[in-house]
Amino acid sequence: MLDELFSLIRIPSISAQPEHHDDMLACAQRWCQLLLEAGADEAHVMPSEGNPLVFAQKTVDPKARTVLVYGHYDVMPAEPLELWKSAPFEPEVRDGHIYARGADDDKGQSFIQAKAFEYLVRSGQLRHNVKFILEGEEEIGSPSLEGFCRQHHELLKADVILVSDTSMLAADLPSLTTGLRGLAYWEIEVTGPNRDLHSGHFGGAVANPINVLCQMLARMTDANGRITVPGFYDDVEELSPEERRMIASIPFDESRYKLAIGVQALTGERGYSTLERNSCRPSFDVCGIWGGYTGEGSKTVLPSKAHAKLSCRLVPHQDHEKISRLVADYLTSIAPASVSVRVTPLHGGQGYVCPITLPAYRAAERGFEKAFGRRPLAVRRGGSIPIISTFEQVLGLKTVLMGFGLESNAIHSPNENMPLDMLWRGIEAVTGFHLAYDEE
């Protein structure tokens, strides 16, 4: 089994680097072979506008329900190579862990899905249909997948989507991700004079774009940590008392949290806990800011331009395109006449919520209970996986996020790894999901 996983890992399918174009095809072809050997009736490498996709399916009964398993075979670049303790594309087992790029994200986690499927097929216990879709562009934002889904809507028809590309709270604390935040992102340019000016001759008489930009950004949130853009909260779904109780039950050591990131105090929207703020509430952040002279020594200059990169994490029901317009309009409206402002939207995505009453969600809970001996906690995550909301919009399907990653697995970093024990437990949990789904 490990030899099969390692055969995937050894292919450097790095979607961000054009020189790995042939590796993308090779990895897709290897996945096809493994899925056929696992029991799929058919498996194909299918073209897209970018890297190829893998589609496979097993039809048990045309009248039965269908689970669509999504994963990705592309991986992040391995640099900086000097920080790896072993070659990133030559998997090595040390201290009960597989070390390699893709060991977790997402070759290892997708492999969990394939092996659970194979066990059910070989043991004759599979009672519903299963489809697989594996893409090769997730690490670069899945630019081709939405078009593929629209083009092949009928082929991807299913009752629910199952994904293993997320994480758990801890190895002994299983959890299911029930929500993801959306994203909106902008670049702002503030222009004052038509050229850089001498700060002695013009300072105090001409607006400094950096000063103005900082004043504008300071007005984006108030003293209570709320975003001041008119209409920003119109579509924000308030947490139910039940969900707030569930979040409060998640073990969280605030002192340890602060120590890990080297801060003395935490901040955010008043009236909400830290775990609520970083997962279930919107946020505004300046991701980068620049302008004027930043070289060595001093230069008394009043700059012509100032720039910043801005982002908002959004909660479900907030439309990223609507928020993008609201923020751009607000920034333009609060700019003084002494400068001109240009706001350029860059990209965004919708948030997502999986109802905990969904039959497939309950089946995932039972799968985790079978493998880990305890019911998983329901958690929302502060990050964004835009393709999950795209599945809902284009295919009309809900997704169950049944992930087995750990913070210590170092995804996207040197020495990415997957504990062998988690690999085996993951297979057992996904097997339990399929068996429980037949009973729901």
Protein backbone atom coordinates (compact mmCIF):
# COMPACT_ATOMS: atom_id res chain seq x y z
CA MET A 1 0.00 0.00 0.00
CA LEU A 2 2.81 2.40 0.88
CA ASP A 3 4.57 1.56 -2.38
CA GLU A 4 1.43 2.70 -4.23
CA LEU A 5 1.28 5.97 -2.29
CA PHE A 6 5.00 6.53 -2.79
CA SER A 7 4.63 6.05 -6.54
CA LEU A 8 2.36 9.11 -6.53
CA ILE A 9 4.56 11.15 -4.22
CA ARG A 10 7.67 10.55 -6.32
CA ILE A 11 6.10 12.44 -9.22
CA PRO A 12 6.88 16.17 -8.66
CA SER A 13 3.47 17.44 -9.78
CA ILE A 14 4.08 21.10 -8.96
CA SER A 15 1.35 23.11 -10.67
CA ALA A 16 2.99 26.48 -10.01
CA GLN A 17 6.08 25.66 -12.07
CA PRO A 18 5.68 25.28 -15.87
CA GLU A 19 8.68 22.96 -16.13
CA HIS A 20 6.58 20.27 -14.41
CA HIS A 21 3.99 20.14 -17.20
CA ASP A 22 4.87 16.54 -18.08
CA ASP A 23 4.80 15.54 -14.41
CA MET A 24 1.21 16.72 -14.13
CA LEU A 25 0.13 14.34 -16.90
CA ALA A 26 2.22 11.49 -15.45
CA CYS A 27 0.62 11.91 -12.02
CA ALA A 28 -2.89 12.00 -13.50
CA GLN A 29 -2.16 8.81 -15.44
CA ARG A 30 -0.82 7.10 -12.31
CA TRP A 31 -3.98 8.04 -10.42
CA CYS A 32 -6.09 6.52 -13.20
CA GLN A 33 -4.18 3.28 -12.92
CA LEU A 34 -4.53 3.13 -9.13
CA LEU A 35 -8.27 3.85 -9.21
CA LEU A 36 -8.85 1.13 -11.79
CA GLU A 37 -6.88 -1.31 -9.64
CA ALA A 38 -8.95 -0.19 -6.63
CA GLY A 39 -12.15 -1.27 -8.37
CA ALA A 40 -13.39 1.64 -10.48
CA ASP A 41 -15.36 0.59 -13.56
CA GLU A 42 -13.63 3.29 -15.57
CA ALA A 43 -11.01 5.99 -15.08
CA HIS A 44 -9.96 8.69 -17.53
CA VAL A 45 -7.51 11.56 -17.82
CA MET A 46 -9.67 14.43 -19.06
CA PRO A 47 -8.47 17.72 -20.54
CA SER A 48 -9.27 21.14 -19.12
CA GLU A 49 -8.15 24.66 -19.97
CA GLY A 50 -5.14 23.98 -17.74
CA ASN A 51 -3.81 20.77 -16.24
CA PRO A 52 -5.70 17.52 -16.88
CA LEU A 53 -8.25 16.12 -14.44
CA VAL A 54 -8.85 12.53 -13.41
CA PHE A 55 -12.40 11.19 -13.46
CA ALA A 56 -13.31 7.68 -12.29
CA GLN A 57 -16.50 5.97 -11.23
CA LYS A 58 -17.97 2.77 -9.85
CA THR A 59 -21.66 2.12 -10.51
CA VAL A 60 -23.18 -0.34 -8.05
CA ASP A 61 -26.82 0.47 -8.80
CA PRO A 62 -28.07 3.26 -11.09
CA LYS A 63 -30.91 3.86 -8.64
CA ALA A 64 -28.61 4.16 -5.61
CA ARG A 65 -27.19 7.39 -4.24
CA THR A 66 -23.81 8.65 -5.46
CA VAL A 67 -20.87 10.06 -3.49
CA LEU A 68 -18.48 12.28 -5.47
CA VAL A 69 -14.97 12.26 -3.97
CA TYR A 70 -12.88 15.35 -4.72
CA GLY A 71 -9.13 15.70 -4.26
CA HIS A 72 -6.11 17.23 -5.96
CA TYR A 73 -2.88 15.71 -7.19
CA ASP A 74 -0.84 18.90 -7.55
CA VAL A 75 1.50 19.98 -4.76
CA MET A 76 3.27 23.11 -3.61
CA PRO A 77 6.90 23.81 -4.59
CA ALA A 78 9.36 22.19 -2.20
CA GLU A 79 11.69 25.16 -1.70
CA PRO A 80 13.65 25.96 0.43
CA LEU A 81 15.23 22.58 -0.26
CA GLU A 82 18.02 23.01 2.29
CA LEU A 83 15.50 22.83 5.14
CA TRP A 84 14.33 19.31 4.25
CA LYS A 85 15.83 16.46 6.27
CA SER A 86 15.21 14.09 3.35
CA ALA A 87 14.55 14.59 -0.36
CA PRO A 88 11.03 16.06 -0.75
CA PHE A 89 10.05 13.74 -3.60
CA GLU A 90 11.70 10.62 -2.23
CA PRO A 91 9.33 9.60 0.59
CA GLU A 92 10.94 8.36 3.75
CA VAL A 93 9.37 6.80 6.84
CA ARG A 94 10.90 8.11 10.08
CA ASP A 95 9.55 7.87 13.61
CA GLY A 96 6.20 6.59 12.40
CA HIS A 97 5.70 9.41 9.86
CA ILE A 98 5.89 9.59 6.06
CA TYR A 99 8.04 12.61 5.12
CA ALA A 100 7.59 14.02 1.61
CA ARG A 101 5.90 16.79 -0.32
CA GLY A 102 2.28 15.70 -0.76
CA ALA A 103 2.38 13.18 2.10
CA ASP A 104 -0.63 15.03 3.52
CA ASP A 105 -1.69 17.71 1.04
CA ASP A 106 -3.30 16.15 -0.83
CA LYS A 107 -1.85 12.90 -2.14
CA GLY A 108 -1.89 11.24 1.26
CA GLN A 109 -5.42 12.35 2.10
CA SER A 110 -6.77 11.47 -1.38
CA PHE A 111 -5.07 8.09 -1.06
CA ILE A 112 -7.09 7.51 2.12
CA GLN A 113 -10.25 7.91 0.06
CA ALA A 114 -9.03 5.53 -2.64
CA LYS A 115 -8.04 2.79 -0.19
CA ALA A 116 -11.32 2.98 1.74
CA PHE A 117 -13.12 2.64 -1.59
CA GLU A 118 -10.95 -0.34 -2.55
CA TYR A 119 -11.64 -2.11 0.74
CA LEU A 120 -15.40 -1.72 0.30
CA VAL A 121 -15.30 -2.96 -3.29
CA ARG A 122 -13.13 -5.98 -2.48
CA SER A 123 -15.21 -6.94 0.56
CA GLY A 124 -18.49 -6.53 -1.31
CA GLN A 125 -19.81 -3.92 1.13
CA LEU A 126 -20.21 -0.96 -1.23
CA ARG A 127 -23.95 -0.25 -1.60
CA HIS A 128 -23.90 3.13 -3.38
CA ASN A 129 -22.14 4.59 -6.39
CA VAL A 130 -18.83 6.42 -6.10
CA LYS A 131 -17.23 8.95 -8.44
CA PHE A 132 -13.78 10.52 -8.18
CA ILE A 133 -12.62 13.88 -9.51
CA LEU A 134 -8.95 14.78 -8.95
CA GLU A 135 -7.64 18.09 -10.23
CA GLY A 136 -4.12 19.38 -10.84
CA GLU A 137 -4.54 23.08 -10.09
CA GLU A 138 -5.80 23.41 -6.52
CA GLU A 139 -2.54 24.93 -5.30
CA ILE A 140 -2.85 27.72 -7.87
CA GLY A 141 -6.51 28.51 -7.21
CA SER A 142 -8.33 25.90 -9.36
CA PRO A 143 -8.68 28.25 -12.37
CA SER A 144 -9.97 25.52 -14.72
CA LEU A 145 -12.23 23.51 -12.43
CA GLU A 146 -15.35 25.70 -12.54
CA GLY A 147 -15.39 25.57 -16.33
CA PHE A 148 -14.87 21.80 -16.23
CA CYS A 149 -17.80 21.42 -13.81
CA ARG A 150 -20.07 23.50 -16.03
CA GLN A 151 -19.02 21.54 -19.13
CA HIS A 152 -19.41 18.14 -17.47
CA HIS A 153 -22.34 18.86 -15.16
CA GLU A 154 -24.11 15.60 -16.02
CA LEU A 155 -20.98 13.49 -15.61
CA LEU A 156 -20.44 14.85 -12.09
CA LYS A 157 -24.04 14.32 -11.00
CA ALA A 158 -24.12 13.04 -7.41
CA ASP A 159 -25.90 13.39 -4.07
CA VAL A 160 -23.02 14.73 -1.99
CA ILE A 161 -19.31 15.57 -2.30
CA LEU A 162 -16.74 14.11 0.09
CA VAL A 163 -13.37 15.87 0.53
CA SER A 164 -10.28 14.97 2.53
CA ASP A 165 -8.15 18.13 2.30
CA THR A 166 -8.66 19.73 5.70
CA SER A 167 -7.36 19.16 9.22
CA MET A 168 -8.39 18.03 12.68
CA LEU A 169 -7.89 19.89 15.94
CA ALA A 170 -5.45 17.24 17.19
CA ALA A 171 -4.58 13.57 16.73
CA ASP A 172 -6.69 12.67 19.77
CA LEU A 173 -9.34 15.28 19.05
CA PRO A 174 -11.15 14.42 15.81
CA SER A 175 -13.12 17.21 14.20
CA LEU A 176 -15.21 17.88 11.11
CA THR A 177 -14.97 21.21 9.32
CA THR A 178 -18.48 22.61 9.01
CA GLY A 179 -17.72 26.03 7.58
CA LEU A 180 -15.16 28.02 5.60
CA ARG A 181 -14.89 31.76 5.26
CA GLY A 182 -15.05 33.51 1.92
CA LEU A 183 -12.55 36.07 0.66
CA ALA A 184 -12.41 39.45 -1.06
CA TYR A 185 -9.10 41.11 -1.99
CA TRP A 186 -8.15 44.54 -3.35
CA GLU A 187 -5.22 46.77 -4.18
CA ILE A 188 -5.58 50.48 -3.46
CA GLU A 189 -3.50 53.28 -5.00
CA VAL A 190 -3.57 56.81 -3.55
CA THR A 191 -2.06 59.57 -5.68
CA GLY A 192 -1.21 63.09 -4.53
CA PRO A 193 1.19 65.36 -6.39
CA ASN A 194 2.35 64.48 -9.90
CA ARG A 195 5.87 63.70 -8.67
CA ASP A 196 7.78 63.14 -5.44
CA LEU A 197 8.30 66.46 -3.64
CA HIS A 198 10.80 67.94 -1.19
CA SER A 199 9.21 67.48 2.23
CA GLY A 200 10.67 70.71 3.49
CA HIS A 201 9.35 72.86 0.66
CA PHE A 202 5.94 71.19 0.42
CA GLY A 203 5.36 69.39 3.74
CA GLY A 204 2.33 70.80 5.56
CA ALA A 205 0.87 72.33 2.40
CA VAL A 206 0.45 69.30 0.11
CA ALA A 207 -1.27 66.05 1.11
CA ASN A 208 1.09 63.15 1.69
CA PRO A 209 -0.52 60.05 0.05
CA ILE A 210 0.96 57.71 2.67
CA ASN A 211 -0.49 59.78 5.50
CA VAL A 212 -3.86 59.88 3.74
CA LEU A 213 -3.82 56.14 3.02
CA CYS A 214 -3.09 55.36 6.67
CA GLN A 215 -5.91 57.65 7.80
CA MET A 216 -8.32 55.97 5.37
CA LEU A 217 -7.32 52.47 6.49
CA ALA A 218 -7.70 53.45 10.14
CA ARG A 219 -11.32 54.36 9.40
CA MET A 220 -12.09 50.85 8.09
CA THR A 221 -12.71 49.51 11.61
CA ASP A 222 -14.11 51.14 14.74
CA ALA A 223 -13.16 50.97 18.40
CA ASN A 224 -15.24 47.79 18.81
CA GLY A 225 -13.42 45.98 16.01
CA ARG A 226 -16.36 46.20 13.60
CA ILE A 227 -15.88 47.00 9.93
CA THR A 228 -17.36 50.43 9.15
CA VAL A 229 -18.30 49.91 5.49
CA PRO A 230 -22.03 50.71 5.11
CA GLY A 231 -24.00 47.55 4.34
CA PHE A 232 -21.07 45.25 5.16
CA TYR A 233 -22.99 43.25 7.79
CA ASP A 234 -26.34 43.15 5.97
CA ASP A 235 -26.00 39.48 5.00
CA VAL A 236 -23.93 38.23 7.93
CA GLU A 237 -25.53 35.21 9.56
CA GLU A 238 -25.45 35.44 13.33
CA LEU A 239 -24.32 32.37 15.23
CA SER A 240 -27.07 30.38 16.89
CA PRO A 241 -26.82 29.79 20.64
CA GLU A 242 -26.29 26.09 19.90
CA GLU A 243 -23.34 26.76 17.61
CA ARG A 244 -21.80 29.18 20.09
CA ARG A 245 -22.04 26.45 22.75
CA MET A 246 -20.36 23.99 20.36
CA ILE A 247 -17.52 26.44 19.70
CA ALA A 248 -17.14 27.12 23.41
CA SER A 249 -16.74 23.38 24.01
CA ILE A 250 -13.63 23.22 21.78
CA PRO A 251 -10.50 22.94 23.96
CA PHE A 252 -8.57 26.20 23.54
CA ASP A 253 -5.62 27.48 25.57
CA GLU A 254 -5.41 31.22 24.94
CA SER A 255 -2.07 31.58 26.72
CA ARG A 256 -0.53 28.86 24.59
CA TYR A 257 -2.06 30.42 21.46
CA LYS A 258 -0.47 33.81 22.24
CA LEU A 259 2.86 32.25 23.13
CA ALA A 260 3.00 30.29 19.85
CA ILE A 261 2.70 33.46 17.75
CA GLY A 262 4.64 35.76 20.07
CA VAL A 263 1.98 38.32 21.05
CA GLN A 264 1.06 39.76 24.43
CA ALA A 265 -2.65 40.28 23.82
CA LEU A 266 -5.41 39.35 21.37
CA THR A 267 -7.87 41.69 19.73
CA GLY A 268 -10.91 41.67 17.46
CA GLU A 269 -14.63 42.29 17.30
CA ARG A 270 -16.08 42.94 20.74
CA GLY A 271 -18.61 40.42 22.01
CA TYR A 272 -17.09 37.33 20.40
CA SER A 273 -14.52 34.77 21.53
CA THR A 274 -11.21 34.25 19.75
CA LEU A 275 -12.42 31.05 18.09
CA GLU A 276 -15.57 32.83 16.91
CA ARG A 277 -13.60 35.80 15.57
CA ASN A 278 -11.17 33.73 13.53
CA SER A 279 -13.72 31.39 11.99
CA CYS A 280 -17.32 32.66 12.08
CA ARG A 281 -17.01 36.45 11.91
CA PRO A 282 -15.81 38.69 9.07
CA SER A 283 -12.41 40.36 9.28
CA PHE A 284 -10.50 43.18 7.58
CA ASP A 285 -6.73 43.19 7.15
CA VAL A 286 -4.04 45.23 5.46
CA CYS A 287 -1.88 42.54 3.85
CA GLY A 288 0.80 44.89 2.52
CA ILE A 289 1.56 48.62 2.34
CA TRP A 290 4.24 50.57 0.52
CA GLY A 291 5.22 53.96 -0.89
CA GLY A 292 7.88 56.64 -0.66
CA TYR A 293 11.51 56.02 0.19
CA THR A 294 12.31 52.73 1.95
CA GLY A 295 16.01 52.40 1.16
CA GLU A 296 18.96 52.70 3.50
CA GLY A 297 19.49 56.00 5.26
CA SER A 298 17.16 58.98 4.96
CA LYS A 299 15.52 60.86 2.10
CA THR A 300 13.22 63.77 2.92
CA VAL A 301 10.60 63.11 0.31
CA LEU A 302 6.86 63.64 0.10
CA PRO A 303 5.85 60.73 -2.16
CA SER A 304 3.57 60.96 -5.17
CA LYS A 305 1.85 57.61 -4.53
CA ALA A 306 1.03 55.12 -1.81
CA HIS A 307 -0.29 51.56 -2.19
CA ALA A 308 -1.79 48.83 -0.05
CA LYS A 309 -3.14 45.29 -0.44
CA LEU A 310 -6.35 44.68 1.50
CA SER A 311 -8.39 41.60 2.28
CA CYS A 312 -11.62 40.67 4.00
CA ARG A 313 -12.49 37.19 5.20
CA LEU A 314 -16.21 36.76 4.74
CA VAL A 315 -18.79 34.51 6.34
CA PRO A 316 -21.43 32.46 4.55
CA HIS A 317 -24.18 34.49 2.83
CA GLN A 318 -21.82 37.43 2.26
CA ASP A 319 -21.39 37.67 -1.51
CA HIS A 320 -17.75 38.45 -2.28
CA GLU A 321 -18.64 40.48 -5.38
CA LYS A 322 -21.12 42.64 -3.43
CA ILE A 323 -18.60 43.18 -0.64
CA SER A 324 -15.94 44.03 -3.20
CA ARG A 325 -18.13 46.84 -4.58
CA LEU A 326 -19.12 48.12 -1.13
CA VAL A 327 -15.53 48.36 0.08
CA ALA A 328 -14.31 50.01 -3.12
CA ASP A 329 -17.14 52.56 -3.00
CA TYR A 330 -16.50 53.30 0.67
CA LEU A 331 -12.78 53.85 0.23
CA THR A 332 -13.45 56.20 -2.65
CA SER A 333 -16.07 58.09 -0.62
CA ILE A 334 -13.82 58.75 2.39
CA ALA A 335 -10.85 59.97 0.33
CA PRO A 336 -10.20 63.72 0.73
CA ALA A 337 -10.17 66.01 -2.32
CA SER A 338 -6.41 66.42 -1.92
CA VAL A 339 -5.76 62.96 -3.43
CA SER A 340 -7.17 60.65 -6.05
CA VAL A 341 -7.91 56.99 -5.25
CA ARG A 342 -8.06 53.88 -7.41
CA VAL A 343 -9.32 50.60 -5.91
CA THR A 344 -8.71 47.46 -7.97
CA PRO A 345 -10.50 44.21 -6.96
CA LEU A 346 -8.14 41.26 -7.40
CA HIS A 347 -9.94 38.03 -6.52
CA GLY A 348 -12.42 36.47 -4.15
CA GLY A 349 -14.60 33.51 -3.28
CA GLN A 350 -17.72 32.60 -1.37
CA GLY A 351 -17.89 31.11 2.11
CA TYR A 352 -19.43 27.73 2.83
CA VAL A 353 -21.44 25.99 5.56
CA CYS A 354 -22.23 22.29 5.82
CA PRO A 355 -25.46 21.65 7.78
CA ILE A 356 -24.80 19.27 10.66
CA THR A 357 -28.21 17.70 9.97
CA LEU A 358 -27.06 16.52 6.51
CA PRO A 359 -27.25 12.69 6.30
CA ALA A 360 -23.73 12.57 4.87
CA TYR A 361 -22.46 14.72 7.75
CA ARG A 362 -24.00 12.33 10.27
CA ALA A 363 -22.38 9.44 8.40
CA ALA A 364 -19.01 11.20 8.66
CA GLU A 365 -19.52 11.60 12.41
CA ARG A 366 -20.11 7.85 12.72
CA GLY A 367 -17.05 7.14 10.61
CA PHE A 368 -14.88 9.22 12.94
CA GLU A 369 -16.43 7.54 15.98
CA LYS A 370 -15.56 4.13 14.55
CA ALA A 371 -11.93 5.05 13.90
CA PHE A 372 -11.15 7.37 16.82
CA GLY A 373 -13.51 6.14 19.52
CA ARG A 374 -15.17 9.50 20.06
CA ARG A 375 -17.61 11.79 18.29
CA PRO A 376 -15.86 14.52 16.30
CA LEU A 377 -16.28 18.16 17.20
CA ALA A 378 -17.92 20.44 14.63
CA VAL A 379 -15.60 23.36 13.83
CA ARG A 380 -15.58 26.24 11.40
CA ARG A 381 -12.29 27.23 9.82
CA GLY A 382 -11.13 30.75 9.14
CA GLY A 383 -9.50 29.94 5.82
CA SER A 384 -11.06 29.74 2.37
CA ILE A 385 -11.39 26.95 -0.21
CA PRO A 386 -13.32 28.79 -2.96
CA ILE A 387 -13.90 25.65 -5.05
CA ILE A 388 -16.15 24.22 -2.31
CA SER A 389 -18.65 27.05 -2.73
CA THR A 390 -18.27 26.71 -6.51
CA PHE A 391 -19.39 23.08 -6.23
CA GLU A 392 -22.51 24.26 -4.44
CA GLN A 393 -23.25 27.00 -6.97
CA VAL A 394 -22.48 25.02 -10.14
CA LEU A 395 -23.33 21.42 -9.21
CA GLY A 396 -25.92 22.18 -6.53
CA LEU A 397 -24.18 19.83 -4.07
CA LYS A 398 -23.17 20.12 -0.44
CA THR A 399 -19.68 19.03 0.58
CA VAL A 400 -18.63 17.10 3.68
CA LEU A 401 -15.08 18.06 4.71
CA MET A 402 -13.66 14.92 6.28
CA GLY A 403 -9.98 15.79 6.68
CA PHE A 404 -7.18 14.08 8.60
CA GLY A 405 -4.39 16.67 8.54
CA LEU A 406 -2.65 17.95 11.65
CA GLU A 407 -0.90 21.26 12.30
CA SER A 408 2.33 19.29 12.83
CA ASN A 409 2.08 17.84 9.31
CA ALA A 410 3.74 21.02 7.97
CA ILE A 411 1.80 21.25 4.72
CA HIS A 412 3.29 23.77 2.23
CA SER A 413 6.46 23.77 4.35
CA PRO A 414 9.71 21.78 4.44
CA ASN A 415 9.40 18.32 6.02
CA GLU A 416 5.71 17.87 5.23
CA ASN A 417 4.58 14.60 6.76
CA MET A 418 1.71 12.26 7.56
CA PRO A 419 1.67 9.95 10.61
CA LEU A 420 1.23 6.35 9.53
CA ASP A 421 -1.32 5.88 12.28
CA MET A 422 -3.40 8.72 10.83
CA LEU A 423 -3.26 7.11 7.40
CA TRP A 424 -4.68 3.86 8.74
CA ARG A 425 -7.28 5.59 10.93
CA GLY A 426 -8.31 7.77 8.02
CA ILE A 427 -9.00 4.72 5.88
CA GLU A 428 -11.05 3.21 8.70
CA ALA A 429 -13.00 6.46 9.21
CA VAL A 430 -13.84 6.87 5.50
CA THR A 431 -14.86 3.21 5.32
CA GLY A 432 -17.15 3.89 8.27
CA PHE A 433 -18.58 6.92 6.47
CA HIS A 434 -19.61 4.85 3.43
CA LEU A 435 -21.15 2.10 5.54
CA ALA A 436 -23.04 4.63 7.69
CA TYR A 437 -24.19 6.59 4.64
CA ASP A 438 -26.02 3.52 3.37
CA GLU A 439 -27.97 3.45 6.64
CA GLU A 440 -28.93 7.16 6.65
